[in-house]
Amino acid sequence: MKGGWVYILANRKHGALYTGVTSDIAARMVQHREGKGSAFCAKYGISRLVHIEWHDDIEGAIAREKAVKKWRRAWKIELIEGANPDWRDRWFDILK
């Protein structure tokens, strides 16, 4: 059984947010950065990886993503700022 990533993208600090899930974060981020990740992200220029969390099984990741998508915006901002107060693009952390 393969694990998965839950992630949140933004176009800028406190900007538009997108929550997603994937088993391959690097490939998914390439899609988002090329404007092929989702129509919503492409429309609003959302490609900054501001939150990422690993789950040992993909089912757990999918459940978490569904829960986070239902959260209030303020809760998502709290989640992001808890680990990434400057809204840095975590994509560069993954590349290392």
C-alpha atoms as a PDB file:
ATOM      1  CA  MET A   1       0.000   0.000   0.000  1.00  0.00           C
ATOM      2  CA  LYS A   2       1.322   3.370  -1.024  1.00  0.00           C
ATOM      3  CA  GLY A   3       1.076   6.589   0.959  1.00  0.00           C
ATOM      4  CA  GLY A   4       0.002  10.018  -0.147  1.00  0.00           C
ATOM      5  CA  TRP A   5       0.401  13.751   0.285  1.00  0.00           C
ATOM      6  CA  VAL A   6      -2.223  16.313   1.227  1.00  0.00           C
ATOM      7  CA  TYR A   7      -1.214  19.763   0.056  1.00  0.00           C
ATOM      8  CA  ILE A   8      -2.453  23.336  -0.082  1.00  0.00           C
ATOM      9  CA  LEU A   9      -1.468  25.755  -2.824  1.00  0.00           C
ATOM     10  CA  ALA A  10      -1.908  29.528  -2.868  1.00  0.00           C
ATOM     11  CA  ASN A  11      -1.322  32.290  -5.397  1.00  0.00           C
ATOM     12  CA  ARG A  12       0.019  34.650  -2.693  1.00  0.00           C
ATOM     13  CA  LYS A  13      -0.105  35.152   1.068  1.00  0.00           C
ATOM     14  CA  HIS A  14      -3.761  35.057   2.167  1.00  0.00           C
ATOM     15  CA  GLY A  15      -4.758  34.648  -1.493  1.00  0.00           C
ATOM     16  CA  ALA A  16      -6.772  31.997  -3.283  1.00  0.00           C
ATOM     17  CA  LEU A  17      -6.298  28.476  -1.894  1.00  0.00           C
ATOM     18  CA  TYR A  18      -6.461  25.005  -3.434  1.00  0.00           C
ATOM     19  CA  THR A  19      -6.382  21.747  -1.475  1.00  0.00           C
ATOM     20  CA  GLY A  20      -5.356  18.520  -3.159  1.00  0.00           C
ATOM     21  CA  VAL A  21      -4.091  14.977  -2.634  1.00  0.00           C
ATOM     22  CA  THR A  22      -1.531  12.951  -4.594  1.00  0.00           C
ATOM     23  CA  SER A  23       0.747   9.954  -4.293  1.00  0.00           C
ATOM     24  CA  ASP A  24       3.528  11.754  -6.209  1.00  0.00           C
ATOM     25  CA  ILE A  25       3.945  15.339  -4.990  1.00  0.00           C
ATOM     26  CA  ALA A  26       6.839  16.183  -7.324  1.00  0.00           C
ATOM     27  CA  ALA A  27       4.948  15.139 -10.468  1.00  0.00           C
ATOM     28  CA  ARG A  28       1.759  16.835  -9.270  1.00  0.00           C
ATOM     29  CA  MET A  29       3.587  20.095  -8.606  1.00  0.00           C
ATOM     30  CA  VAL A  30       5.104  20.037 -12.091  1.00  0.00           C
ATOM     31  CA  GLN A  31       1.543  19.726 -13.451  1.00  0.00           C
ATOM     32  CA  HIS A  32       0.344  22.656 -11.343  1.00  0.00           C
ATOM     33  CA  ARG A  33       3.333  24.818 -12.318  1.00  0.00           C
ATOM     34  CA  GLU A  34       2.695  24.126 -15.992  1.00  0.00           C
ATOM     35  CA  GLY A  35      -0.958  25.156 -15.573  1.00  0.00           C
ATOM     36  CA  LYS A  36      -2.189  21.584 -16.102  1.00  0.00           C
ATOM     37  CA  GLY A  37      -2.907  20.668 -12.468  1.00  0.00           C
ATOM     38  CA  SER A  38      -6.460  21.987 -12.366  1.00  0.00           C
ATOM     39  CA  ALA A  39      -8.539  24.538 -14.237  1.00  0.00           C
ATOM     40  CA  PHE A  40      -9.129  26.460 -10.988  1.00  0.00           C
ATOM     41  CA  CYS A  41      -5.390  26.735 -10.276  1.00  0.00           C
ATOM     42  CA  ALA A  42      -4.628  27.770 -13.846  1.00  0.00           C
ATOM     43  CA  LYS A  43      -7.380  30.424 -13.807  1.00  0.00           C
ATOM     44  CA  TYR A  44      -6.169  32.053 -10.573  1.00  0.00           C
ATOM     45  CA  GLY A  45      -2.418  31.483 -10.923  1.00  0.00           C
ATOM     46  CA  ILE A  46      -2.268  29.147  -7.937  1.00  0.00           C
ATOM     47  CA  SER A  47       1.051  27.279  -7.817  1.00  0.00           C
ATOM     48  CA  ARG A  48       2.788  28.159  -4.522  1.00  0.00           C
ATOM     49  CA  LEU A  49       3.011  25.075  -2.288  1.00  0.00           C
ATOM     50  CA  VAL A  50       2.288  26.483   1.171  1.00  0.00           C
ATOM     51  CA  HIS A  51       1.320  23.347   3.115  1.00  0.00           C
ATOM     52  CA  ILE A  52       2.214  19.689   2.737  1.00  0.00           C
ATOM     53  CA  GLU A  53       1.638  16.642   4.912  1.00  0.00           C
ATOM     54  CA  TRP A  54       2.479  12.962   4.409  1.00  0.00           C
ATOM     55  CA  HIS A  55       0.117  10.075   5.200  1.00  0.00           C
ATOM     56  CA  ASP A  56       1.288   6.480   5.293  1.00  0.00           C
ATOM     57  CA  ASP A  57      -1.683   5.251   3.282  1.00  0.00           C
ATOM     58  CA  ILE A  58      -3.478   6.934   0.400  1.00  0.00           C
ATOM     59  CA  GLU A  59      -6.900   6.285   1.947  1.00  0.00           C
ATOM     60  CA  GLY A  60      -5.879   8.329   4.989  1.00  0.00           C
ATOM     61  CA  ALA A  61      -4.590  11.098   2.733  1.00  0.00           C
ATOM     62  CA  ILE A  62      -7.835  11.168   0.750  1.00  0.00           C
ATOM     63  CA  ALA A  63      -9.908  11.295   3.944  1.00  0.00           C
ATOM     64  CA  ARG A  64      -7.785  14.168   5.281  1.00  0.00           C
ATOM     65  CA  GLU A  65      -8.042  16.090   1.997  1.00  0.00           C
ATOM     66  CA  LYS A  66     -11.834  15.757   2.004  1.00  0.00           C
ATOM     67  CA  ALA A  67     -11.965  16.987   5.602  1.00  0.00           C
ATOM     68  CA  VAL A  68      -9.657  19.965   4.972  1.00  0.00           C
ATOM     69  CA  LYS A  69     -11.663  20.964   1.883  1.00  0.00           C
ATOM     70  CA  LYS A  70     -14.729  21.339   4.125  1.00  0.00           C
ATOM     71  CA  TRP A  71     -12.899  23.521   6.643  1.00  0.00           C
ATOM     72  CA  ARG A  72     -13.485  27.229   7.020  1.00  0.00           C
ATOM     73  CA  ARG A  73     -10.919  29.381   5.248  1.00  0.00           C
ATOM     74  CA  ALA A  74      -9.610  30.705   8.593  1.00  0.00           C
ATOM     75  CA  TRP A  75      -8.807  27.147   9.734  1.00  0.00           C
ATOM     76  CA  LYS A  76      -6.840  26.480   6.538  1.00  0.00           C
ATOM     77  CA  ILE A  77      -4.867  29.700   7.073  1.00  0.00           C
ATOM     78  CA  GLU A  78      -4.129  28.619  10.667  1.00  0.00           C
ATOM     79  CA  LEU A  79      -2.909  25.245   9.394  1.00  0.00           C
ATOM     80  CA  ILE A  80      -0.633  26.901   6.834  1.00  0.00           C
ATOM     81  CA  GLU A  81       0.767  29.495   9.227  1.00  0.00           C
ATOM     82  CA  GLY A  82       1.360  26.911  11.963  1.00  0.00           C
ATOM     83  CA  ALA A  83       4.269  25.454   9.971  1.00  0.00           C
ATOM     84  CA  ASN A  84       4.845  28.133   7.354  1.00  0.00           C
ATOM     85  CA  PRO A  85       4.150  31.608   8.797  1.00  0.00           C
ATOM     86  CA  ASP A  86       5.818  33.396   5.867  1.00  0.00           C
ATOM     87  CA  TRP A  87       3.893  31.375   3.249  1.00  0.00           C
ATOM     88  CA  ARG A  88       7.191  30.304   1.666  1.00  0.00           C
ATOM     89  CA  ASP A  89       6.948  28.130  -1.416  1.00  0.00           C
ATOM     90  CA  ARG A  90       7.671  24.655   0.011  1.00  0.00           C
ATOM     91  CA  TRP A  91       8.301  23.379  -3.528  1.00  0.00           C
ATOM     92  CA  PHE A  92      11.910  24.394  -3.083  1.00  0.00           C
ATOM     93  CA  ASP A  93      12.119  22.236   0.074  1.00  0.00           C
ATOM     94  CA  ILE A  94      10.962  19.208  -1.926  1.00  0.00           C
ATOM     95  CA  LEU A  95      13.568  19.794  -4.626  1.00  0.00           C
ATOM     96  CA  LYS A  96      16.430  19.513  -2.116  1.00  0.00           C
END
